[in-house]
Amino acid sequence: MNITKQQIASIFRSLDIPYFTSGKNVSEDSVNIKCPFCDETGDPDPSDHLGVFKGNGVFSCWRCRKKGPFHILIRKLTGFSEERCKEIVESSTDKSDKEAIDVIMEIINSNSETKRTEKSCFDGLPEFFTKVTHDMNYPLLASYLKRRRIPVETVIKHGCGVCKVGKFMNRMIIPVIFNGEIVSFQAADLTGKADLKYKTATSNINDYLYGYDEIHSNGRIIVTEGVLDAWRVDEDVVCTFGTHLTDKQRNLIIKRHPKELIFAYDGDYYWREFGYGSIPGWFTPFVSTIRVVEFPKEHDPDSYGREYGHDVLMKLINSGEV
């Protein structure tokens, strides 16, 4: 493979993933993004340390030292099958910027079953799931909720449970509900010591938006990265399970016909323009008012609300830049 920086950038642009071709952490031979693998270590990347290098298309993160072929990075960012990700990379080589984007969009939007093998059926809540109640005696959960300043009423309200043994041992299970049915779940580490803070059900969680059933039509929608961010906001809010929106997630938002769309992503993931390739920019033809909240770099909605309180958090969100 012989891929250019322009072709690498075309792929990121097609996937609505912000990228940089120059800057503090960017070499002459790479296109850089915020590293999604750093999130798994519990120490999120603050400043685009992952570079994809022209020529062989290998990616490498300067912080967590994760490296590998470009299609593996795309799979991590999108949840697509490995075959589909390889096709995206291979189809972009030896093409102009516009040609590459056109071909990639055809692949992304394809409904061919052979290109959608990445979707798995939901097998239900995990074995040994025990629903949280007010009288549950589980010190690990109590310590986690105290540390995160989450009332037990919140986890009960959202139908959460715990697994004390099994594959999801020492994790809080957070169901994802769509059209009144549980379609997936996230499993949050309660110990603070696991390599993965969150594990996900076998189904494609990025087909859905957490909190979607609670959103009313023709109103506003606040978009957050994580479930705990959504809990902290607690009103008119959905979670996208990361900073990349799939076509299905974007279409779900459009179907609600929001008058106002507010992006409340982490402080190190702030769009200064709604230009081509930015996630907010994609919605400009469909939503009359779009706002982006600029959190301090060390904060996200959960940490900001935890430190300053819900009223201050909502004041910042409601005054987000237009």
C-alpha atoms as a PDB file:
ATOM      1  CA  MET A   1       0.000   0.000   0.000  1.00  0.00           C
ATOM      2  CA  ASN A   2       1.134   3.533  -0.743  1.00  0.00           C
ATOM      3  CA  ILE A   3      -1.247   6.019   0.849  1.00  0.00           C
ATOM      4  CA  THR A   4      -0.754   9.792   0.892  1.00  0.00           C
ATOM      5  CA  LYS A   5      -1.534  12.323   3.606  1.00  0.00           C
ATOM      6  CA  GLN A   6      -4.314  13.684   1.387  1.00  0.00           C
ATOM      7  CA  GLN A   7      -5.915  10.241   1.143  1.00  0.00           C
ATOM      8  CA  ILE A   8      -5.631   9.685   4.901  1.00  0.00           C
ATOM      9  CA  ALA A   9      -7.302  13.055   5.479  1.00  0.00           C
ATOM     10  CA  SER A  10     -10.041  12.139   2.972  1.00  0.00           C
ATOM     11  CA  ILE A  11     -10.917   9.047   4.984  1.00  0.00           C
ATOM     12  CA  PHE A  12     -11.144  10.996   8.250  1.00  0.00           C
ATOM     13  CA  ARG A  13     -13.210  13.684   6.539  1.00  0.00           C
ATOM     14  CA  SER A  14     -15.614  11.080   5.132  1.00  0.00           C
ATOM     15  CA  LEU A  15     -16.058   9.612   8.623  1.00  0.00           C
ATOM     16  CA  ASP A  16     -16.605  13.053  10.245  1.00  0.00           C
ATOM     17  CA  ILE A  17     -13.508  12.616  12.431  1.00  0.00           C
ATOM     18  CA  PRO A  18     -11.613  15.860  13.200  1.00  0.00           C
ATOM     19  CA  TYR A  19      -7.953  15.639  12.176  1.00  0.00           C
ATOM     20  CA  PHE A  20      -4.797  17.749  11.883  1.00  0.00           C
ATOM     21  CA  THR A  21      -2.139  17.769   9.166  1.00  0.00           C
ATOM     22  CA  SER A  22       0.168  20.102  11.082  1.00  0.00           C
ATOM     23  CA  GLY A  23       0.714  21.243  14.637  1.00  0.00           C
ATOM     24  CA  LYS A  24       2.565  20.491  17.851  1.00  0.00           C
ATOM     25  CA  ASN A  25       2.168  16.696  17.812  1.00  0.00           C
ATOM     26  CA  VAL A  26       1.986  16.213  14.033  1.00  0.00           C
ATOM     27  CA  SER A  27       4.980  15.076  11.989  1.00  0.00           C
ATOM     28  CA  GLU A  28       5.536  15.934   8.325  1.00  0.00           C
ATOM     29  CA  ASP A  29       4.546  12.381   7.371  1.00  0.00           C
ATOM     30  CA  SER A  30       1.388  11.964   9.465  1.00  0.00           C
ATOM     31  CA  VAL A  31      -2.236  13.016   9.884  1.00  0.00           C
ATOM     32  CA  ASN A  32      -3.205  13.129  13.547  1.00  0.00           C
ATOM     33  CA  ILE A  33      -6.365  12.603  15.582  1.00  0.00           C
ATOM     34  CA  LYS A  34      -7.333  12.233  19.224  1.00  0.00           C
ATOM     35  CA  CYS A  35      -6.334   8.673  20.182  1.00  0.00           C
ATOM     36  CA  PRO A  36      -9.360   6.435  20.893  1.00  0.00           C
ATOM     37  CA  PHE A  37      -7.130   3.806  22.509  1.00  0.00           C
ATOM     38  CA  CYS A  38      -5.978   6.208  25.239  1.00  0.00           C
ATOM     39  CA  ASP A  39      -9.576   6.270  26.508  1.00  0.00           C
ATOM     40  CA  GLU A  40      -9.251   2.582  27.389  1.00  0.00           C
ATOM     41  CA  THR A  41      -6.360   3.327  29.744  1.00  0.00           C
ATOM     42  CA  GLY A  42      -8.461   5.763  31.779  1.00  0.00           C
ATOM     43  CA  ASP A  43      -6.212   8.631  30.662  1.00  0.00           C
ATOM     44  CA  PRO A  44      -7.874  10.217  27.577  1.00  0.00           C
ATOM     45  CA  ASP A  45      -5.688  11.805  24.925  1.00  0.00           C
ATOM     46  CA  PRO A  46      -5.774  15.608  25.396  1.00  0.00           C
ATOM     47  CA  SER A  47      -4.106  16.662  22.155  1.00  0.00           C
ATOM     48  CA  ASP A  48      -4.137  14.497  19.004  1.00  0.00           C
ATOM     49  CA  HIS A  49      -1.195  12.207  19.766  1.00  0.00           C
ATOM     50  CA  LEU A  50      -2.180   9.439  17.339  1.00  0.00           C
ATOM     51  CA  GLY A  51      -0.714   9.768  13.852  1.00  0.00           C
ATOM     52  CA  VAL A  52      -1.473   7.819  10.677  1.00  0.00           C
ATOM     53  CA  PHE A  53       1.627   7.816   8.480  1.00  0.00           C
ATOM     54  CA  LYS A  54       1.732   8.182   4.731  1.00  0.00           C
ATOM     55  CA  GLY A  55       3.232   5.341   2.724  1.00  0.00           C
ATOM     56  CA  ASN A  56       2.399   2.207   4.720  1.00  0.00           C
ATOM     57  CA  GLY A  57      -0.631   3.709   6.520  1.00  0.00           C
ATOM     58  CA  VAL A  58       0.479   2.506   9.947  1.00  0.00           C
ATOM     59  CA  PHE A  59      -0.940   4.387  12.946  1.00  0.00           C
ATOM     60  CA  SER A  60       0.956   5.027  16.171  1.00  0.00           C
ATOM     61  CA  CYS A  61       0.073   6.880  19.386  1.00  0.00           C
ATOM     62  CA  TRP A  62       2.873   8.721  21.168  1.00  0.00           C
ATOM     63  CA  ARG A  63       1.121   8.407  24.549  1.00  0.00           C
ATOM     64  CA  CYS A  64      -0.293   4.880  24.913  1.00  0.00           C
ATOM     65  CA  ARG A  65       2.126   3.355  22.334  1.00  0.00           C
ATOM     66  CA  LYS A  66      -0.704   1.588  20.497  1.00  0.00           C
ATOM     67  CA  LYS A  67       0.135   0.958  16.834  1.00  0.00           C
ATOM     68  CA  GLY A  68      -1.116  -1.039  13.870  1.00  0.00           C
ATOM     69  CA  PRO A  69      -2.538  -0.881  10.332  1.00  0.00           C
ATOM     70  CA  PHE A  70      -4.905   1.952   9.406  1.00  0.00           C
ATOM     71  CA  HIS A  71      -7.954  -0.296   8.968  1.00  0.00           C
ATOM     72  CA  ILE A  72      -7.737  -1.421  12.618  1.00  0.00           C
ATOM     73  CA  LEU A  73      -7.939   2.227  13.718  1.00  0.00           C
ATOM     74  CA  ILE A  74     -10.979   2.762  11.473  1.00  0.00           C
ATOM     75  CA  ARG A  75     -12.631  -0.284  12.981  1.00  0.00           C
ATOM     76  CA  LYS A  76     -12.039   1.115  16.465  1.00  0.00           C
ATOM     77  CA  LEU A  77     -13.534   4.482  15.486  1.00  0.00           C
ATOM     78  CA  THR A  78     -16.563   3.184  13.601  1.00  0.00           C
ATOM     79  CA  GLY A  79     -17.390  -0.353  14.729  1.00  0.00           C
ATOM     80  CA  PHE A  80     -17.452  -1.506  11.087  1.00  0.00           C
ATOM     81  CA  SER A  81     -16.272  -5.015  10.197  1.00  0.00           C
ATOM     82  CA  GLU A  82     -12.572  -5.533   9.494  1.00  0.00           C
ATOM     83  CA  GLU A  83     -13.340  -6.347   5.847  1.00  0.00           C
ATOM     84  CA  ARG A  84     -15.289  -3.130   5.413  1.00  0.00           C
ATOM     85  CA  CYS A  85     -12.504  -1.067   6.994  1.00  0.00           C
ATOM     86  CA  LYS A  86      -9.907  -2.645   4.696  1.00  0.00           C
ATOM     87  CA  GLU A  87     -12.113  -1.762   1.736  1.00  0.00           C
ATOM     88  CA  ILE A  88     -12.321   1.872   2.869  1.00  0.00           C
ATOM     89  CA  VAL A  89      -8.522   2.149   3.057  1.00  0.00           C
ATOM     90  CA  GLU A  90      -7.805   0.304  -0.184  1.00  0.00           C
ATOM     91  CA  SER A  91     -10.458   2.209  -2.139  1.00  0.00           C
ATOM     92  CA  SER A  92      -8.973   5.595  -1.216  1.00  0.00           C
ATOM     93  CA  THR A  93      -5.466   4.962  -2.543  1.00  0.00           C
ATOM     94  CA  ASP A  94      -4.420   6.283  -5.946  1.00  0.00           C
ATOM     95  CA  LYS A  95      -7.438   8.612  -6.104  1.00  0.00           C
ATOM     96  CA  SER A  96      -7.935  12.356  -5.873  1.00  0.00           C
ATOM     97  CA  ASP A  97      -9.421  13.852  -2.715  1.00  0.00           C
ATOM     98  CA  LYS A  98     -12.914  14.169  -4.194  1.00  0.00           C
ATOM     99  CA  GLU A  99     -12.818  10.752  -5.860  1.00  0.00           C
ATOM    100  CA  ALA A 100     -11.695   9.096  -2.622  1.00  0.00           C
ATOM    101  CA  ILE A 101     -14.470  10.725  -0.602  1.00  0.00           C
ATOM    102  CA  ASP A 102     -17.118   9.696  -3.148  1.00  0.00           C
ATOM    103  CA  VAL A 103     -15.972   6.068  -3.115  1.00  0.00           C
ATOM    104  CA  ILE A 104     -15.686   5.944   0.682  1.00  0.00           C
ATOM    105  CA  MET A 105     -19.191   7.374   1.129  1.00  0.00           C
ATOM    106  CA  GLU A 106     -20.552   4.694  -1.203  1.00  0.00           C
ATOM    107  CA  ILE A 107     -18.965   2.025   1.001  1.00  0.00           C
ATOM    108  CA  ILE A 108     -20.161   3.623   4.255  1.00  0.00           C
ATOM    109  CA  ASN A 109     -23.734   4.021   2.998  1.00  0.00           C
ATOM    110  CA  SER A 110     -23.925   0.604   1.325  1.00  0.00           C
ATOM    111  CA  ASN A 111     -26.781  -1.616   2.498  1.00  0.00           C
ATOM    112  CA  SER A 112     -25.167  -4.779   1.148  1.00  0.00           C
ATOM    113  CA  GLU A 113     -25.448  -7.574   3.697  1.00  0.00           C
ATOM    114  CA  THR A 114     -21.932  -8.737   2.831  1.00  0.00           C
ATOM    115  CA  LYS A 115     -20.638  -5.353   3.956  1.00  0.00           C
ATOM    116  CA  ARG A 116     -22.664  -5.242   7.157  1.00  0.00           C
ATOM    117  CA  THR A 117     -21.506  -8.405   8.853  1.00  0.00           C
ATOM    118  CA  GLU A 118     -20.257  -6.281  11.744  1.00  0.00           C
ATOM    119  CA  LYS A 119     -23.707  -6.154  13.330  1.00  0.00           C
ATOM    120  CA  SER A 120     -24.350  -8.787  15.974  1.00  0.00           C
ATOM    121  CA  CYS A 121     -27.599  -9.781  17.640  1.00  0.00           C
ATOM    122  CA  PHE A 122     -28.188  -8.640  21.198  1.00  0.00           C
ATOM    123  CA  ASP A 123     -28.068 -11.604  23.574  1.00  0.00           C
ATOM    124  CA  GLY A 124     -29.738  -9.834  26.498  1.00  0.00           C
ATOM    125  CA  LEU A 125     -28.403  -8.576  29.813  1.00  0.00           C
ATOM    126  CA  PRO A 126     -25.384 -10.513  31.086  1.00  0.00           C
ATOM    127  CA  GLU A 127     -25.483 -13.581  33.266  1.00  0.00           C
ATOM    128  CA  PHE A 128     -25.449 -12.794  37.005  1.00  0.00           C
ATOM    129  CA  PHE A 129     -27.068  -9.360  36.412  1.00  0.00           C
ATOM    130  CA  THR A 130     -28.634  -8.110  39.644  1.00  0.00           C
ATOM    131  CA  LYS A 131     -30.756  -4.979  39.544  1.00  0.00           C
ATOM    132  CA  VAL A 132     -29.724  -2.160  41.887  1.00  0.00           C
ATOM    133  CA  THR A 133     -32.148  -1.425  44.737  1.00  0.00           C
ATOM    134  CA  HIS A 134     -32.092   0.962  47.682  1.00  0.00           C
ATOM    135  CA  ASP A 135     -31.343  -1.875  50.096  1.00  0.00           C
ATOM    136  CA  MET A 136     -28.568  -3.477  48.018  1.00  0.00           C
ATOM    137  CA  ASN A 137     -25.485  -4.153  50.126  1.00  0.00           C
ATOM    138  CA  TYR A 138     -22.561  -3.932  47.702  1.00  0.00           C
ATOM    139  CA  PRO A 139     -19.679  -1.793  49.042  1.00  0.00           C
ATOM    140  CA  LEU A 140     -17.911  -1.644  45.664  1.00  0.00           C
ATOM    141  CA  LEU A 141     -20.942   0.001  44.058  1.00  0.00           C
ATOM    142  CA  ALA A 142     -21.457   2.309  47.037  1.00  0.00           C
ATOM    143  CA  SER A 143     -17.831   3.437  46.838  1.00  0.00           C
ATOM    144  CA  TYR A 144     -18.076   4.039  43.084  1.00  0.00           C
ATOM    145  CA  LEU A 145     -21.252   6.111  43.396  1.00  0.00           C
ATOM    146  CA  LYS A 146     -19.786   8.143  46.246  1.00  0.00           C
ATOM    147  CA  ARG A 147     -16.581   8.764  44.293  1.00  0.00           C
ATOM    148  CA  ARG A 148     -18.533   9.883  41.212  1.00  0.00           C
ATOM    149  CA  ARG A 149     -21.202  11.731  43.257  1.00  0.00           C
ATOM    150  CA  ILE A 150     -23.995   9.767  41.634  1.00  0.00           C
ATOM    151  CA  PRO A 151     -27.146   9.252  43.718  1.00  0.00           C
ATOM    152  CA  VAL A 152     -28.310   5.645  43.913  1.00  0.00           C
ATOM    153  CA  GLU A 153     -31.700   6.925  42.726  1.00  0.00           C
ATOM    154  CA  THR A 154     -30.079   7.746  39.381  1.00  0.00           C
ATOM    155  CA  VAL A 155     -28.881   4.207  38.690  1.00  0.00           C
ATOM    156  CA  ILE A 156     -32.217   2.791  39.852  1.00  0.00           C
ATOM    157  CA  LYS A 157     -34.088   5.229  37.582  1.00  0.00           C
ATOM    158  CA  HIS A 158     -32.064   4.012  34.584  1.00  0.00           C
ATOM    159  CA  GLY A 159     -32.564   0.309  35.339  1.00  0.00           C
ATOM    160  CA  CYS A 160     -28.918  -0.394  36.140  1.00  0.00           C
ATOM    161  CA  GLY A 161     -27.605  -3.520  37.776  1.00  0.00           C
ATOM    162  CA  VAL A 162     -24.329  -5.075  38.863  1.00  0.00           C
ATOM    163  CA  CYS A 163     -22.436  -8.291  38.217  1.00  0.00           C
ATOM    164  CA  LYS A 164     -20.523  -9.594  41.207  1.00  0.00           C
ATOM    165  CA  VAL A 165     -19.214 -12.640  39.311  1.00  0.00           C
ATOM    166  CA  GLY A 166     -18.827 -13.795  35.707  1.00  0.00           C
ATOM    167  CA  LYS A 167     -17.583 -12.100  32.549  1.00  0.00           C
ATOM    168  CA  PHE A 168     -18.690  -8.662  33.787  1.00  0.00           C
ATOM    169  CA  MET A 169     -17.625  -9.116  37.390  1.00  0.00           C
ATOM    170  CA  ASN A 170     -17.279  -5.916  39.449  1.00  0.00           C
ATOM    171  CA  ARG A 171     -19.071  -3.822  36.839  1.00  0.00           C
ATOM    172  CA  MET A 172     -22.234  -1.730  36.782  1.00  0.00           C
ATOM    173  CA  ILE A 173     -24.464  -2.710  33.855  1.00  0.00           C
ATOM    174  CA  ILE A 174     -26.126   0.256  32.127  1.00  0.00           C
ATOM    175  CA  PRO A 175     -28.944  -0.843  29.768  1.00  0.00           C
ATOM    176  CA  VAL A 176     -29.445   0.949  26.449  1.00  0.00           C
ATOM    177  CA  ILE A 177     -33.155   1.250  25.672  1.00  0.00           C
ATOM    178  CA  PHE A 178     -34.643   1.924  22.238  1.00  0.00           C
ATOM    179  CA  ASN A 179     -38.370   1.945  21.496  1.00  0.00           C
ATOM    180  CA  GLY A 180     -38.973   0.640  25.002  1.00  0.00           C
ATOM    181  CA  GLU A 181     -36.726  -2.408  24.640  1.00  0.00           C
ATOM    182  CA  ILE A 182     -33.219  -3.123  25.924  1.00  0.00           C
ATOM    183  CA  VAL A 183     -31.025  -3.336  22.808  1.00  0.00           C
ATOM    184  CA  SER A 184     -27.517  -3.188  24.288  1.00  0.00           C
ATOM    185  CA  PHE A 185     -25.604  -2.234  27.424  1.00  0.00           C
ATOM    186  CA  GLN A 186     -22.385  -0.773  28.743  1.00  0.00           C
ATOM    187  CA  ALA A 187     -20.564  -2.272  31.709  1.00  0.00           C
ATOM    188  CA  ALA A 188     -18.691   0.320  33.808  1.00  0.00           C
ATOM    189  CA  ASP A 189     -15.717  -0.777  35.897  1.00  0.00           C
ATOM    190  CA  LEU A 190     -16.402  -0.202  39.589  1.00  0.00           C
ATOM    191  CA  THR A 191     -12.866  -0.846  40.838  1.00  0.00           C
ATOM    192  CA  GLY A 192     -11.005   1.933  39.007  1.00  0.00           C
ATOM    193  CA  LYS A 193      -8.275  -0.595  38.195  1.00  0.00           C
ATOM    194  CA  ALA A 194      -9.479  -2.359  35.037  1.00  0.00           C
ATOM    195  CA  ASP A 195      -7.688  -1.753  31.745  1.00  0.00           C
ATOM    196  CA  LEU A 196     -11.067  -1.079  30.103  1.00  0.00           C
ATOM    197  CA  LYS A 197     -13.281   1.404  31.926  1.00  0.00           C
ATOM    198  CA  TYR A 198     -16.264   0.286  29.842  1.00  0.00           C
ATOM    199  CA  LYS A 199     -17.140  -2.996  28.196  1.00  0.00           C
ATOM    200  CA  THR A 200     -19.968  -3.217  25.685  1.00  0.00           C
ATOM    201  CA  ALA A 201     -22.533  -5.853  24.746  1.00  0.00           C
ATOM    202  CA  THR A 202     -21.958  -7.911  21.611  1.00  0.00           C
ATOM    203  CA  SER A 203     -24.569  -5.894  19.686  1.00  0.00           C
ATOM    204  CA  ASN A 204     -23.594  -2.767  17.757  1.00  0.00           C
ATOM    205  CA  ILE A 205     -24.176  -0.116  20.406  1.00  0.00           C
ATOM    206  CA  ASN A 206     -23.424   2.632  17.870  1.00  0.00           C
ATOM    207  CA  ASP A 207     -26.700   1.890  16.106  1.00  0.00           C
ATOM    208  CA  TYR A 208     -28.385   3.700  18.999  1.00  0.00           C
ATOM    209  CA  LEU A 209     -28.348   6.841  21.123  1.00  0.00           C
ATOM    210  CA  TYR A 210     -28.535   6.482  24.887  1.00  0.00           C
ATOM    211  CA  GLY A 211     -31.557   8.359  26.237  1.00  0.00           C
ATOM    212  CA  TYR A 212     -33.232   8.594  22.831  1.00  0.00           C
ATOM    213  CA  ASP A 213     -36.661   7.459  24.043  1.00  0.00           C
ATOM    214  CA  GLU A 214     -36.799  10.401  26.458  1.00  0.00           C
ATOM    215  CA  ILE A 215     -36.273  13.049  23.774  1.00  0.00           C
ATOM    216  CA  HIS A 216     -39.331  14.982  22.616  1.00  0.00           C
ATOM    217  CA  SER A 217     -39.866  16.015  18.993  1.00  0.00           C
ATOM    218  CA  ASN A 218     -39.433  19.633  17.873  1.00  0.00           C
ATOM    219  CA  GLY A 219     -37.428  20.603  20.940  1.00  0.00           C
ATOM    220  CA  ARG A 220     -33.734  20.661  21.652  1.00  0.00           C
ATOM    221  CA  ILE A 221     -31.245  17.819  21.897  1.00  0.00           C
ATOM    222  CA  ILE A 222     -28.045  17.980  23.926  1.00  0.00           C
ATOM    223  CA  VAL A 223     -25.407  15.530  22.644  1.00  0.00           C
ATOM    224  CA  THR A 224     -22.771  14.068  24.984  1.00  0.00           C
ATOM    225  CA  GLU A 225     -20.027  11.466  24.574  1.00  0.00           C
ATOM    226  CA  GLY A 226     -20.711   9.234  27.569  1.00  0.00           C
ATOM    227  CA  VAL A 227     -23.560   7.875  29.645  1.00  0.00           C
ATOM    228  CA  LEU A 228     -22.401   9.565  32.855  1.00  0.00           C
ATOM    229  CA  ASP A 229     -22.242  12.873  30.974  1.00  0.00           C
ATOM    230  CA  ALA A 230     -25.868  12.336  29.964  1.00  0.00           C
ATOM    231  CA  TRP A 231     -26.846  11.494  33.537  1.00  0.00           C
ATOM    232  CA  ARG A 232     -25.225  14.692  34.778  1.00  0.00           C
ATOM    233  CA  VAL A 233     -27.124  16.824  32.236  1.00  0.00           C
ATOM    234  CA  ASP A 234     -30.345  14.897  32.944  1.00  0.00           C
ATOM    235  CA  GLU A 235     -32.633  16.652  30.445  1.00  0.00           C
ATOM    236  CA  ASP A 236     -33.071  16.721  26.639  1.00  0.00           C
ATOM    237  CA  VAL A 237     -29.886  14.678  26.324  1.00  0.00           C
ATOM    238  CA  VAL A 238     -28.511  11.725  24.367  1.00  0.00           C
ATOM    239  CA  CYS A 239     -25.142   9.977  24.508  1.00  0.00           C
ATOM    240  CA  THR A 240     -23.279   8.847  21.357  1.00  0.00           C
ATOM    241  CA  PHE A 241     -20.832   6.396  23.040  1.00  0.00           C
ATOM    242  CA  GLY A 242     -17.807   8.329  21.809  1.00  0.00           C
ATOM    243  CA  THR A 243     -17.000  11.248  19.534  1.00  0.00           C
ATOM    244  CA  HIS A 244     -17.937   9.606  16.244  1.00  0.00           C
ATOM    245  CA  LEU A 245     -21.556   9.594  15.039  1.00  0.00           C
ATOM    246  CA  THR A 246     -22.636   6.774  12.761  1.00  0.00           C
ATOM    247  CA  ASP A 247     -25.130   7.311   9.947  1.00  0.00           C
ATOM    248  CA  LYS A 248     -27.807   5.608  12.040  1.00  0.00           C
ATOM    249  CA  GLN A 249     -27.184   7.904  15.001  1.00  0.00           C
ATOM    250  CA  ARG A 250     -27.287  11.007  12.822  1.00  0.00           C
ATOM    251  CA  ASN A 251     -30.520   9.869  11.209  1.00  0.00           C
ATOM    252  CA  LEU A 252     -32.078   9.226  14.615  1.00  0.00           C
ATOM    253  CA  ILE A 253     -31.342  12.831  15.587  1.00  0.00           C
ATOM    254  CA  ILE A 254     -32.803  14.166  12.342  1.00  0.00           C
ATOM    255  CA  LYS A 255     -35.986  12.103  12.843  1.00  0.00           C
ATOM    256  CA  ARG A 256     -36.676  14.020  16.057  1.00  0.00           C
ATOM    257  CA  HIS A 257     -36.706  17.305  14.049  1.00  0.00           C
ATOM    258  CA  PRO A 258     -34.879  19.272  16.763  1.00  0.00           C
ATOM    259  CA  LYS A 259     -35.038  23.044  16.616  1.00  0.00           C
ATOM    260  CA  GLU A 260     -31.799  23.286  18.587  1.00  0.00           C
ATOM    261  CA  LEU A 261     -28.812  20.923  18.745  1.00  0.00           C
ATOM    262  CA  ILE A 262     -26.188  21.401  21.461  1.00  0.00           C
ATOM    263  CA  PHE A 263     -22.913  19.447  21.414  1.00  0.00           C
ATOM    264  CA  ALA A 264     -21.507  19.044  24.930  1.00  0.00           C
ATOM    265  CA  TYR A 265     -18.432  16.927  24.251  1.00  0.00           C
ATOM    266  CA  ASP A 266     -15.247  16.881  26.331  1.00  0.00           C
ATOM    267  CA  GLY A 267     -13.149  20.015  26.706  1.00  0.00           C
ATOM    268  CA  ASP A 268     -10.364  18.613  24.525  1.00  0.00           C
ATOM    269  CA  TYR A 269     -12.777  17.971  21.668  1.00  0.00           C
ATOM    270  CA  TYR A 270     -14.106  21.408  20.802  1.00  0.00           C
ATOM    271  CA  TRP A 271     -15.005  22.484  17.253  1.00  0.00           C
ATOM    272  CA  ARG A 272     -14.124  26.106  16.544  1.00  0.00           C
ATOM    273  CA  GLU A 273     -15.812  26.018  13.145  1.00  0.00           C
ATOM    274  CA  PHE A 274     -18.839  24.210  11.756  1.00  0.00           C
ATOM    275  CA  GLY A 275     -16.999  23.591   8.513  1.00  0.00           C
ATOM    276  CA  TYR A 276     -16.908  20.616   6.190  1.00  0.00           C
ATOM    277  CA  GLY A 277     -15.799  17.536   8.043  1.00  0.00           C
ATOM    278  CA  SER A 278     -17.007  18.651  11.476  1.00  0.00           C
ATOM    279  CA  ILE A 279     -19.848  16.765  13.124  1.00  0.00           C
ATOM    280  CA  PRO A 280     -21.884  19.919  13.942  1.00  0.00           C
ATOM    281  CA  GLY A 281     -21.379  21.102  10.373  1.00  0.00           C
ATOM    282  CA  TRP A 282     -23.129  18.017   9.034  1.00  0.00           C
ATOM    283  CA  PHE A 283     -26.390  19.050  10.732  1.00  0.00           C
ATOM    284  CA  THR A 284     -26.489  22.660   9.512  1.00  0.00           C
ATOM    285  CA  PRO A 285     -28.914  21.925   6.626  1.00  0.00           C
ATOM    286  CA  PHE A 286     -31.369  20.238   9.014  1.00  0.00           C
ATOM    287  CA  VAL A 287     -31.284  22.173  12.311  1.00  0.00           C
ATOM    288  CA  SER A 288     -31.876  25.912  12.611  1.00  0.00           C
ATOM    289  CA  THR A 289     -29.758  26.436  15.742  1.00  0.00           C
ATOM    290  CA  ILE A 290     -26.578  24.525  16.564  1.00  0.00           C
ATOM    291  CA  ARG A 291     -24.476  25.232  19.627  1.00  0.00           C
ATOM    292  CA  VAL A 292     -21.147  23.861  20.785  1.00  0.00           C
ATOM    293  CA  VAL A 293     -20.200  24.077  24.458  1.00  0.00           C
ATOM    294  CA  GLU A 294     -16.564  24.868  25.214  1.00  0.00           C
ATOM    295  CA  PHE A 295     -15.675  23.091  28.445  1.00  0.00           C
ATOM    296  CA  PRO A 296     -12.328  23.691  30.150  1.00  0.00           C
ATOM    297  CA  LYS A 297      -9.825  21.174  28.742  1.00  0.00           C
ATOM    298  CA  GLU A 298      -9.715  19.127  31.933  1.00  0.00           C
ATOM    299  CA  HIS A 299     -13.499  18.768  32.076  1.00  0.00           C
ATOM    300  CA  ASP A 300     -16.440  17.023  30.458  1.00  0.00           C
ATOM    301  CA  PRO A 301     -20.121  17.460  31.415  1.00  0.00           C
ATOM    302  CA  ASP A 302     -19.861  14.808  34.132  1.00  0.00           C
ATOM    303  CA  SER A 303     -16.755  16.193  35.826  1.00  0.00           C
ATOM    304  CA  TYR A 304     -17.868  19.815  35.401  1.00  0.00           C
ATOM    305  CA  GLY A 305     -21.286  19.143  36.898  1.00  0.00           C
ATOM    306  CA  ARG A 306     -19.748  17.053  39.670  1.00  0.00           C
ATOM    307  CA  GLU A 307     -17.437  19.901  40.654  1.00  0.00           C
ATOM    308  CA  TYR A 308     -19.669  22.939  40.153  1.00  0.00           C
ATOM    309  CA  GLY A 309     -23.202  21.554  40.384  1.00  0.00           C
ATOM    310  CA  HIS A 310     -26.059  20.990  37.950  1.00  0.00           C
ATOM    311  CA  ASP A 311     -27.206  24.630  37.793  1.00  0.00           C
ATOM    312  CA  VAL A 312     -23.751  25.899  36.804  1.00  0.00           C
ATOM    313  CA  LEU A 313     -23.383  23.079  34.266  1.00  0.00           C
ATOM    314  CA  MET A 314     -26.694  23.946  32.606  1.00  0.00           C
ATOM    315  CA  LYS A 315     -25.834  27.642  32.595  1.00  0.00           C
ATOM    316  CA  LEU A 316     -22.683  26.834  30.608  1.00  0.00           C
ATOM    317  CA  ILE A 317     -24.566  24.507  28.252  1.00  0.00           C
ATOM    318  CA  ASN A 318     -27.369  27.010  27.656  1.00  0.00           C
ATOM    319  CA  SER A 319     -24.879  29.759  26.815  1.00  0.00           C
ATOM    320  CA  GLY A 320     -22.917  27.578  24.367  1.00  0.00           C
ATOM    321  CA  GLU A 321     -21.431  29.328  21.334  1.00  0.00           C
ATOM    322  CA  VAL A 322     -23.726  29.597  18.312  1.00  0.00           C
END
